[in-house]
Amino acid sequence: MAKPYPILPASILDELNDLNGALGAYDQLMTAWINQTLTDGPAGDPKSFAAGCQFLLRPILEGFQDIERQASSFREMGVVGVCTIDNSGQEKP
């Protein structure tokens, strides 16, 4: 059975690009910090760094949550589309 998905305006979906970019930058920051900590030990105050990471991640999470709220609103209003994929893997309208 096909699952209905909300049809969202492009403006909402455009926000995903920025959020995904910010999340990628956050991932690189955390990877670099972990690598540096494992090789040279922690630099600076780890508590301050952890607090800073929280302040960087919070807007990203809130952005994704906002998109989820908007998608839920569109779903509740009935603005949905259904797409099915057959065995060949091609989409059907």
PDB file of N, CA and C in Angstrom:
ATOM      1  N   MET A   1       0.839  -1.175   0.000  1.00  0.00           N
ATOM      2  CA  MET A   1       0.000   0.000   0.000  1.00  0.00           C
ATOM      3  C   MET A   1       0.886   1.240   0.000  1.00  0.00           C
ATOM      4  N   ALA A   2       0.517   2.190  -0.826  1.00  0.00           N
ATOM      5  CA  ALA A   2       1.287   3.427  -0.932  1.00  0.00           C
ATOM      6  C   ALA A   2       0.999   4.337   0.254  1.00  0.00           C
ATOM      7  N   LYS A   3       2.016   5.019   0.687  1.00  0.00           N
ATOM      8  CA  LYS A   3       1.896   5.932   1.820  1.00  0.00           C
ATOM      9  C   LYS A   3       1.789   7.366   1.288  1.00  0.00           C
ATOM     10  N   PRO A   4       0.809   8.148   1.757  1.00  0.00           N
ATOM     11  CA  PRO A   4       0.695   9.533   1.288  1.00  0.00           C
ATOM     12  C   PRO A   4       1.767  10.425   1.938  1.00  0.00           C
ATOM     13  N   TYR A   5       2.373  11.253   1.127  1.00  0.00           N
ATOM     14  CA  TYR A   5       3.390  12.190   1.604  1.00  0.00           C
ATOM     15  C   TYR A   5       2.897  13.612   1.359  1.00  0.00           C
ATOM     16  N   PRO A   6       3.214  14.533   2.268  1.00  0.00           N
ATOM     17  CA  PRO A   6       2.749  15.910   2.083  1.00  0.00           C
ATOM     18  C   PRO A   6       3.431  16.553   0.877  1.00  0.00           C
ATOM     19  N   ILE A   7       2.668  17.342   0.160  1.00  0.00           N
ATOM     20  CA  ILE A   7       3.199  18.129  -0.948  1.00  0.00           C
ATOM     21  C   ILE A   7       3.562  19.483  -0.355  1.00  0.00           C
ATOM     22  N   LEU A   8       4.838  19.811  -0.380  1.00  0.00           N
ATOM     23  CA  LEU A   8       5.327  21.020   0.263  1.00  0.00           C
ATOM     24  C   LEU A   8       5.755  22.055  -0.766  1.00  0.00           C
ATOM     25  N   PRO A   9       5.579  23.333  -0.450  1.00  0.00           N
ATOM     26  CA  PRO A   9       6.094  24.375  -1.336  1.00  0.00           C
ATOM     27  C   PRO A   9       7.623  24.285  -1.425  1.00  0.00           C
ATOM     28  N   ALA A  10       8.161  24.691  -2.545  1.00  0.00           N
ATOM     29  CA  ALA A  10       9.614  24.632  -2.744  1.00  0.00           C
ATOM     30  C   ALA A  10      10.353  25.476  -1.706  1.00  0.00           C
ATOM     31  N   SER A  11       9.734  26.545  -1.227  1.00  0.00           N
ATOM     32  CA  SER A  11      10.403  27.399  -0.235  1.00  0.00           C
ATOM     33  C   SER A  11      10.722  26.628   1.041  1.00  0.00           C
ATOM     34  N   ILE A  12       9.854  25.712   1.410  1.00  0.00           N
ATOM     35  CA  ILE A  12      10.108  24.895   2.603  1.00  0.00           C
ATOM     36  C   ILE A  12      11.243  23.920   2.324  1.00  0.00           C
ATOM     37  N   LEU A  13      11.207  23.313   1.158  1.00  0.00           N
ATOM     38  CA  LEU A  13      12.233  22.339   0.813  1.00  0.00           C
ATOM     39  C   LEU A  13      13.596  22.990   0.606  1.00  0.00           C
ATOM     40  N   ASP A  14      13.614  24.260   0.177  1.00  0.00           N
ATOM     41  CA  ASP A  14      14.875  24.971   0.009  1.00  0.00           C
ATOM     42  C   ASP A  14      15.621  25.094   1.340  1.00  0.00           C
ATOM     43  N   GLU A  15      14.875  25.161   2.430  1.00  0.00           N
ATOM     44  CA  GLU A  15      15.504  25.263   3.747  1.00  0.00           C
ATOM     45  C   GLU A  15      16.341  24.020   4.047  1.00  0.00           C
ATOM     46  N   LEU A  16      15.954  22.876   3.489  1.00  0.00           N
ATOM     47  CA  LEU A  16      16.706  21.642   3.721  1.00  0.00           C
ATOM     48  C   LEU A  16      18.141  21.751   3.226  1.00  0.00           C
ATOM     49  N   ASN A  17      18.348  22.434   2.113  1.00  0.00           N
ATOM     50  CA  ASN A  17      19.695  22.572   1.570  1.00  0.00           C
ATOM     51  C   ASN A  17      20.606  23.283   2.567  1.00  0.00           C
ATOM     52  N   ASP A  18      20.136  24.397   3.112  1.00  0.00           N
ATOM     53  CA  ASP A  18      20.937  25.137   4.095  1.00  0.00           C
ATOM     54  C   ASP A  18      21.160  24.320   5.361  1.00  0.00           C
ATOM     55  N   LEU A  19      20.111  23.652   5.822  1.00  0.00           N
ATOM     56  CA  LEU A  19      20.239  22.846   7.040  1.00  0.00           C
ATOM     57  C   LEU A  19      21.190  21.676   6.838  1.00  0.00           C
ATOM     58  N   ASN A  20      21.094  21.015   5.689  1.00  0.00           N
ATOM     59  CA  ASN A  20      22.003  19.907   5.415  1.00  0.00           C
ATOM     60  C   ASN A  20      23.445  20.387   5.310  1.00  0.00           C
ATOM     61  N   GLY A  21      23.652  21.562   4.725  1.00  0.00           N
ATOM     62  CA  GLY A  21      24.998  22.139   4.663  1.00  0.00           C
ATOM     63  C   GLY A  21      25.538  22.458   6.050  1.00  0.00           C
ATOM     64  N   ALA A  22      24.687  23.041   6.897  1.00  0.00           N
ATOM     65  CA  ALA A  22      25.103  23.354   8.262  1.00  0.00           C
ATOM     66  C   ALA A  22      25.392  22.078   9.052  1.00  0.00           C
ATOM     67  N   LEU A  23      24.583  21.058   8.835  1.00  0.00           N
ATOM     68  CA  LEU A  23      24.804  19.789   9.526  1.00  0.00           C
ATOM     69  C   LEU A  23      26.110  19.144   9.047  1.00  0.00           C
ATOM     70  N   GLY A  24      26.414  19.246   7.776  1.00  0.00           N
ATOM     71  CA  GLY A  24      27.677  18.735   7.251  1.00  0.00           C
ATOM     72  C   GLY A  24      28.873  19.467   7.849  1.00  0.00           C
ATOM     73  N   ALA A  25      28.760  20.793   7.985  1.00  0.00           N
ATOM     74  CA  ALA A  25      29.838  21.572   8.608  1.00  0.00           C
ATOM     75  C   ALA A  25      30.007  21.176  10.071  1.00  0.00           C
ATOM     76  N   TYR A  26      28.902  20.968  10.768  1.00  0.00           N
ATOM     77  CA  TYR A  26      28.952  20.543  12.170  1.00  0.00           C
ATOM     78  C   TYR A  26      29.632  19.177  12.272  1.00  0.00           C
ATOM     79  N   ASP A  27      29.302  18.277  11.354  1.00  0.00           N
ATOM     80  CA  ASP A  27      29.921  16.955  11.341  1.00  0.00           C
ATOM     81  C   ASP A  27      31.429  17.063  11.136  1.00  0.00           C
ATOM     82  N   GLN A  28      31.856  17.915  10.215  1.00  0.00           N
ATOM     83  CA  GLN A  28      33.289  18.096   9.983  1.00  0.00           C
ATOM     84  C   GLN A  28      33.974  18.683  11.210  1.00  0.00           C
ATOM     85  N   LEU A  29      33.329  19.630  11.857  1.00  0.00           N
ATOM     86  CA  LEU A  29      33.883  20.228  13.079  1.00  0.00           C
ATOM     87  C   LEU A  29      34.066  19.174  14.162  1.00  0.00           C
ATOM     88  N   MET A  30      33.038  18.363  14.372  1.00  0.00           N
ATOM     89  CA  MET A  30      33.120  17.338  15.412  1.00  0.00           C
ATOM     90  C   MET A  30      34.165  16.278  15.067  1.00  0.00           C
ATOM     91  N   THR A  31      34.243  15.882  13.799  1.00  0.00           N
ATOM     92  CA  THR A  31      35.235  14.894  13.380  1.00  0.00           C
ATOM     93  C   THR A  31      36.648  15.434  13.595  1.00  0.00           C
ATOM     94  N   ALA A  32      36.881  16.688  13.211  1.00  0.00           N
ATOM     95  CA  ALA A  32      38.197  17.290  13.404  1.00  0.00           C
ATOM     96  C   ALA A  32      38.540  17.392  14.887  1.00  0.00           C
ATOM     97  N   TRP A  33      37.560  17.784  15.713  1.00  0.00           N
ATOM     98  CA  TRP A  33      37.819  17.910  17.149  1.00  0.00           C
ATOM     99  C   TRP A  33      38.130  16.546  17.766  1.00  0.00           C
ATOM    100  N   ILE A  34      37.397  15.529  17.394  1.00  0.00           N
ATOM    101  CA  ILE A  34      37.639  14.180  17.934  1.00  0.00           C
ATOM    102  C   ILE A  34      39.013  13.680  17.492  1.00  0.00           C
ATOM    103  N   ASN A  35      39.346  13.871  16.217  1.00  0.00           N
ATOM    104  CA  ASN A  35      40.658  13.443  15.735  1.00  0.00           C
ATOM    105  C   ASN A  35      41.781  14.178  16.458  1.00  0.00           C
ATOM    106  N   GLN A  36      41.620  15.482  16.642  1.00  0.00           N
ATOM    107  CA  GLN A  36      42.638  16.269  17.331  1.00  0.00           C
ATOM    108  C   GLN A  36      42.765  15.838  18.785  1.00  0.00           C
ATOM    109  N   THR A  37      41.639  15.574  19.424  1.00  0.00           N
ATOM    110  CA  THR A  37      41.642  15.150  20.827  1.00  0.00           C
ATOM    111  C   THR A  37      42.313  13.785  20.984  1.00  0.00           C
ATOM    112  N   LEU A  38      42.056  12.879  20.045  1.00  0.00           N
ATOM    113  CA  LEU A  38      42.652  11.550  20.120  1.00  0.00           C
ATOM    114  C   LEU A  38      44.153  11.570  19.865  1.00  0.00           C
ATOM    115  N   THR A  39      44.618  12.487  19.016  1.00  0.00           N
ATOM    116  CA  THR A  39      46.039  12.517  18.695  1.00  0.00           C
ATOM    117  C   THR A  39      46.849  13.401  19.634  1.00  0.00           C
ATOM    118  N   ASP A  40      46.345  14.588  19.964  1.00  0.00           N
ATOM    119  CA  ASP A  40      47.112  15.559  20.755  1.00  0.00           C
ATOM    120  C   ASP A  40      46.513  15.849  22.124  1.00  0.00           C
ATOM    121  N   GLY A  41      45.388  15.281  22.416  1.00  0.00           N
ATOM    122  CA  GLY A  41      44.694  15.610  23.654  1.00  0.00           C
ATOM    123  C   GLY A  41      43.824  16.837  23.436  1.00  0.00           C
ATOM    124  N   PRO A  42      42.908  17.083  24.357  1.00  0.00           N
ATOM    125  CA  PRO A  42      41.985  18.213  24.177  1.00  0.00           C
ATOM    126  C   PRO A  42      42.705  19.553  24.278  1.00  0.00           C
ATOM    127  N   ALA A  43      42.295  20.481  23.427  1.00  0.00           N
ATOM    128  CA  ALA A  43      42.827  21.846  23.466  1.00  0.00           C
ATOM    129  C   ALA A  43      41.773  22.756  24.078  1.00  0.00           C
ATOM    130  N   GLY A  44      42.168  23.577  24.999  1.00  0.00           N
ATOM    131  CA  GLY A  44      41.235  24.494  25.625  1.00  0.00           C
ATOM    132  C   GLY A  44      40.337  23.800  26.631  1.00  0.00           C
ATOM    133  N   ASP A  45      39.286  24.479  26.994  1.00  0.00           N
ATOM    134  CA  ASP A  45      38.347  23.977  28.002  1.00  0.00           C
ATOM    135  C   ASP A  45      37.292  23.100  27.332  1.00  0.00           C
ATOM    136  N   PRO A  46      37.290  21.787  27.605  1.00  0.00           N
ATOM    137  CA  PRO A  46      36.314  20.899  26.964  1.00  0.00           C
ATOM    138  C   PRO A  46      34.863  21.272  27.281  1.00  0.00           C
ATOM    139  N   LYS A  47      34.608  21.814  28.482  1.00  0.00           N
ATOM    140  CA  LYS A  47      33.232  22.192  28.827  1.00  0.00           C
ATOM    141  C   LYS A  47      32.759  23.351  27.956  1.00  0.00           C
ATOM    142  N   SER A  48      33.638  24.321  27.718  1.00  0.00           N
ATOM    143  CA  SER A  48      33.263  25.448  26.861  1.00  0.00           C
ATOM    144  C   SER A  48      33.034  24.988  25.432  1.00  0.00           C
ATOM    145  N   PHE A  49      33.870  24.069  24.969  1.00  0.00           N
ATOM    146  CA  PHE A  49      33.702  23.556  23.610  1.00  0.00           C
ATOM    147  C   PHE A  49      32.373  22.820  23.484  1.00  0.00           C
ATOM    148  N   ALA A  50      32.062  21.980  24.475  1.00  0.00           N
ATOM    149  CA  ALA A  50      30.797  21.239  24.443  1.00  0.00           C
ATOM    150  C   ALA A  50      29.607  22.190  24.449  1.00  0.00           C
ATOM    151  N   ALA A  51      29.678  23.241  25.253  1.00  0.00           N
ATOM    152  CA  ALA A  51      28.588  24.226  25.293  1.00  0.00           C
ATOM    153  C   ALA A  51      28.468  24.937  23.947  1.00  0.00           C
ATOM    154  N   GLY A  52      29.604  25.266  23.336  1.00  0.00           N
ATOM    155  CA  GLY A  52      29.584  25.909  22.023  1.00  0.00           C
ATOM    156  C   GLY A  52      28.976  25.010  20.965  1.00  0.00           C
ATOM    157  N   CYS A  53      29.289  23.717  21.035  1.00  0.00           N
ATOM    158  CA  CYS A  53      28.714  22.766  20.084  1.00  0.00           C
ATOM    159  C   CYS A  53      27.199  22.710  20.222  1.00  0.00           C
ATOM    160  N   GLN A  54      26.731  22.780  21.448  1.00  0.00           N
ATOM    161  CA  GLN A  54      25.281  22.767  21.674  1.00  0.00           C
ATOM    162  C   GLN A  54      24.640  23.992  21.039  1.00  0.00           C
ATOM    163  N   PHE A  55      25.278  25.146  21.164  1.00  0.00           N
ATOM    164  CA  PHE A  55      24.726  26.367  20.571  1.00  0.00           C
ATOM    165  C   PHE A  55      24.766  26.322  19.049  1.00  0.00           C
ATOM    166  N   LEU A  56      25.742  25.602  18.488  1.00  0.00           N
ATOM    167  CA  LEU A  56      25.797  25.453  17.034  1.00  0.00           C
ATOM    168  C   LEU A  56      24.757  24.477  16.523  1.00  0.00           C
ATOM    169  N   LEU A  57      24.523  23.407  17.271  1.00  0.00           N
ATOM    170  CA  LEU A  57      23.609  22.359  16.815  1.00  0.00           C
ATOM    171  C   LEU A  57      22.137  22.724  17.018  1.00  0.00           C
ATOM    172  N   ARG A  58      21.839  23.487  18.050  1.00  0.00           N
ATOM    173  CA  ARG A  58      20.437  23.802  18.367  1.00  0.00           C
ATOM    174  C   ARG A  58      19.685  24.433  17.195  1.00  0.00           C
ATOM    175  N   PRO A  59      20.221  25.470  16.514  1.00  0.00           N
ATOM    176  CA  PRO A  59      19.457  26.046  15.390  1.00  0.00           C
ATOM    177  C   PRO A  59      19.244  25.062  14.244  1.00  0.00           C
ATOM    178  N   ILE A  60      20.193  24.163  14.048  1.00  0.00           N
ATOM    179  CA  ILE A  60      20.037  23.162  12.994  1.00  0.00           C
ATOM    180  C   ILE A  60      18.873  22.236  13.333  1.00  0.00           C
ATOM    181  N   LEU A  61      18.866  21.738  14.559  1.00  0.00           N
ATOM    182  CA  LEU A  61      17.773  20.859  14.986  1.00  0.00           C
ATOM    183  C   LEU A  61      16.432  21.575  14.944  1.00  0.00           C
ATOM    184  N   GLU A  62      16.402  22.812  15.382  1.00  0.00           N
ATOM    185  CA  GLU A  62      15.152  23.574  15.356  1.00  0.00           C
ATOM    186  C   GLU A  62      14.673  23.789  13.926  1.00  0.00           C
ATOM    187  N   GLY A  63      15.600  23.967  12.998  1.00  0.00           N
ATOM    188  CA  GLY A  63      15.225  24.123  11.592  1.00  0.00           C
ATOM    189  C   GLY A  63      14.577  22.864  11.045  1.00  0.00           C
ATOM    190  N   PHE A  64      15.174  21.700  11.341  1.00  0.00           N
ATOM    191  CA  PHE A  64      14.572  20.441  10.907  1.00  0.00           C
ATOM    192  C   PHE A  64      13.213  20.222  11.576  1.00  0.00           C
ATOM    193  N   GLN A  65      13.099  20.577  12.853  1.00  0.00           N
ATOM    194  CA  GLN A  65      11.822  20.433  13.551  1.00  0.00           C
ATOM    195  C   GLN A  65      10.763  21.339  12.952  1.00  0.00           C
ATOM    196  N   ASP A  66      11.148  22.546  12.532  1.00  0.00           N
ATOM    197  CA  ASP A  66      10.202  23.469  11.908  1.00  0.00           C
ATOM    198  C   ASP A  66       9.689  22.899  10.582  1.00  0.00           C
ATOM    199  N   ILE A  67      10.586  22.327   9.790  1.00  0.00           N
ATOM    200  CA  ILE A  67      10.162  21.713   8.533  1.00  0.00           C
ATOM    201  C   ILE A  67       9.217  20.549   8.807  1.00  0.00           C
ATOM    202  N   GLU A  68       9.523  19.759   9.837  1.00  0.00           N
ATOM    203  CA  GLU A  68       8.648  18.630  10.190  1.00  0.00           C
ATOM    204  C   GLU A  68       7.270  19.128  10.604  1.00  0.00           C
ATOM    205  N   ARG A  69       7.211  20.221  11.362  1.00  0.00           N
ATOM    206  CA  ARG A  69       5.911  20.790  11.765  1.00  0.00           C
ATOM    207  C   ARG A  69       5.125  21.258  10.543  1.00  0.00           C
ATOM    208  N   GLN A  70       5.819  21.906   9.619  1.00  0.00           N
ATOM    209  CA  GLN A  70       5.141  22.378   8.409  1.00  0.00           C
ATOM    210  C   GLN A  70       4.638  21.201   7.571  1.00  0.00           C
ATOM    211  N   ALA A  71       5.460  20.164   7.453  1.00  0.00           N
ATOM    212  CA  ALA A  71       5.040  18.982   6.702  1.00  0.00           C
ATOM    213  C   ALA A  71       3.833  18.328   7.365  1.00  0.00           C
ATOM    214  N   SER A  72       3.829  18.267   8.686  1.00  0.00           N
ATOM    215  CA  SER A  72       2.678  17.701   9.406  1.00  0.00           C
ATOM    216  C   SER A  72       1.426  18.530   9.172  1.00  0.00           C
ATOM    217  N   SER A  73       1.577  19.846   9.153  1.00  0.00           N
ATOM    218  CA  SER A  73       0.428  20.720   8.899  1.00  0.00           C
ATOM    219  C   SER A  73      -0.151  20.467   7.515  1.00  0.00           C
ATOM    220  N   PHE A  74       0.715  20.352   6.510  1.00  0.00           N
ATOM    221  CA  PHE A  74       0.236  20.090   5.154  1.00  0.00           C
ATOM    222  C   PHE A  74      -0.434  18.726   5.083  1.00  0.00           C
ATOM    223  N   ARG A  75       0.123  17.742   5.792  1.00  0.00           N
ATOM    224  CA  ARG A  75      -0.474  16.400   5.795  1.00  0.00           C
ATOM    225  C   ARG A  75      -1.867  16.459   6.434  1.00  0.00           C
ATOM    226  N   GLU A  76      -1.981  17.176   7.551  1.00  0.00           N
ATOM    227  CA  GLU A  76      -3.278  17.287   8.241  1.00  0.00           C
ATOM    228  C   GLU A  76      -4.310  18.025   7.402  1.00  0.00           C
ATOM    229  N   MET A  77      -3.848  18.983   6.569  1.00  0.00           N
ATOM    230  CA  MET A  77      -4.768  19.717   5.699  1.00  0.00           C
ATOM    231  C   MET A  77      -5.178  18.879   4.488  1.00  0.00           C
ATOM    232  N   GLY A  78      -4.527  17.736   4.307  1.00  0.00           N
ATOM    233  CA  GLY A  78      -4.867  16.883   3.185  1.00  0.00           C
ATOM    234  C   GLY A  78      -4.119  17.198   1.907  1.00  0.00           C
ATOM    235  N   VAL A  79      -3.101  18.032   1.998  1.00  0.00           N
ATOM    236  CA  VAL A  79      -2.303  18.360   0.819  1.00  0.00           C
ATOM    237  C   VAL A  79      -1.223  17.284   0.692  1.00  0.00           C
ATOM    238  N   VAL A  80      -1.622  16.151   0.123  1.00  0.00           N
ATOM    239  CA  VAL A  80      -0.713  15.010   0.026  1.00  0.00           C
ATOM    240  C   VAL A  80      -0.723  14.444  -1.378  1.00  0.00           C
ATOM    241  N   GLY A  81       0.341  13.724  -1.686  1.00  0.00           N
ATOM    242  CA  GLY A  81       0.435  12.996  -2.943  1.00  0.00           C
ATOM    243  C   GLY A  81       0.891  11.582  -2.633  1.00  0.00           C
ATOM    244  N   VAL A  82       0.610  10.685  -3.550  1.00  0.00           N
ATOM    245  CA  VAL A  82       0.996   9.290  -3.360  1.00  0.00           C
ATOM    246  C   VAL A  82       1.811   8.863  -4.567  1.00  0.00           C
ATOM    247  N   CYS A  83       2.917   8.232  -4.313  1.00  0.00           N
ATOM    248  CA  CYS A  83       3.767   7.734  -5.376  1.00  0.00           C
ATOM    249  C   CYS A  83       4.076   6.275  -5.077  1.00  0.00           C
ATOM    250  N   THR A  84       3.926   5.434  -6.066  1.00  0.00           N
ATOM    251  CA  THR A  84       4.241   4.018  -5.870  1.00  0.00           C
ATOM    252  C   THR A  84       5.395   3.640  -6.783  1.00  0.00           C
ATOM    253  N   ILE A  85       6.159   2.682  -6.364  1.00  0.00           N
ATOM    254  CA  ILE A  85       7.279   2.186  -7.151  1.00  0.00           C
ATOM    255  C   ILE A  85       7.044   0.708  -7.401  1.00  0.00           C
ATOM    256  N   ASP A  86       7.030   0.334  -8.677  1.00  0.00           N
ATOM    257  CA  ASP A  86       6.826  -1.074  -8.991  1.00  0.00           C
ATOM    258  C   ASP A  86       8.153  -1.827  -8.873  1.00  0.00           C
ATOM    259  N   ASN A  87       8.143  -3.075  -9.210  1.00  0.00           N
ATOM    260  CA  ASN A  87       9.333  -3.915  -9.067  1.00  0.00           C
ATOM    261  C   ASN A  87      10.496  -3.463  -9.934  1.00  0.00           C
ATOM    262  N   SER A  88      10.229  -2.771 -11.029  1.00  0.00           N
ATOM    263  CA  SER A  88      11.316  -2.319 -11.908  1.00  0.00           C
ATOM    264  C   SER A  88      12.032  -1.110 -11.320  1.00  0.00           C
ATOM    265  N   GLY A  89      11.480  -0.506 -10.273  1.00  0.00           N
ATOM    266  CA  GLY A  89      12.112   0.620  -9.613  1.00  0.00           C
ATOM    267  C   GLY A  89      11.799   1.965 -10.246  1.00  0.00           C
ATOM    268  N   GLN A  90      10.896   2.010 -11.206  1.00  0.00           N
ATOM    269  CA  GLN A  90      10.526   3.270 -11.825  1.00  0.00           C
ATOM    270  C   GLN A  90       9.279   3.807 -11.163  1.00  0.00           C
ATOM    271  N   GLU A  91       9.248   5.120 -10.997  1.00  0.00           N
ATOM    272  CA  GLU A  91       8.104   5.739 -10.334  1.00  0.00           C
ATOM    273  C   GLU A  91       6.916   5.805 -11.286  1.00  0.00           C
ATOM    274  N   LYS A  92       5.739   5.676 -10.686  1.00  0.00           N
ATOM    275  CA  LYS A  92       4.482   5.851 -11.411  1.00  0.00           C
ATOM    276  C   LYS A  92       3.738   7.009 -10.774  1.00  0.00           C
ATOM    277  N   PRO A  93       3.117   7.867 -11.549  1.00  0.00           N
ATOM    278  CA  PRO A  93       2.319   8.949 -10.950  1.00  0.00           C
ATOM    279  C   PRO A  93       1.065   8.427 -10.306  1.00  0.00           C
TER     280      PRO A  93
END
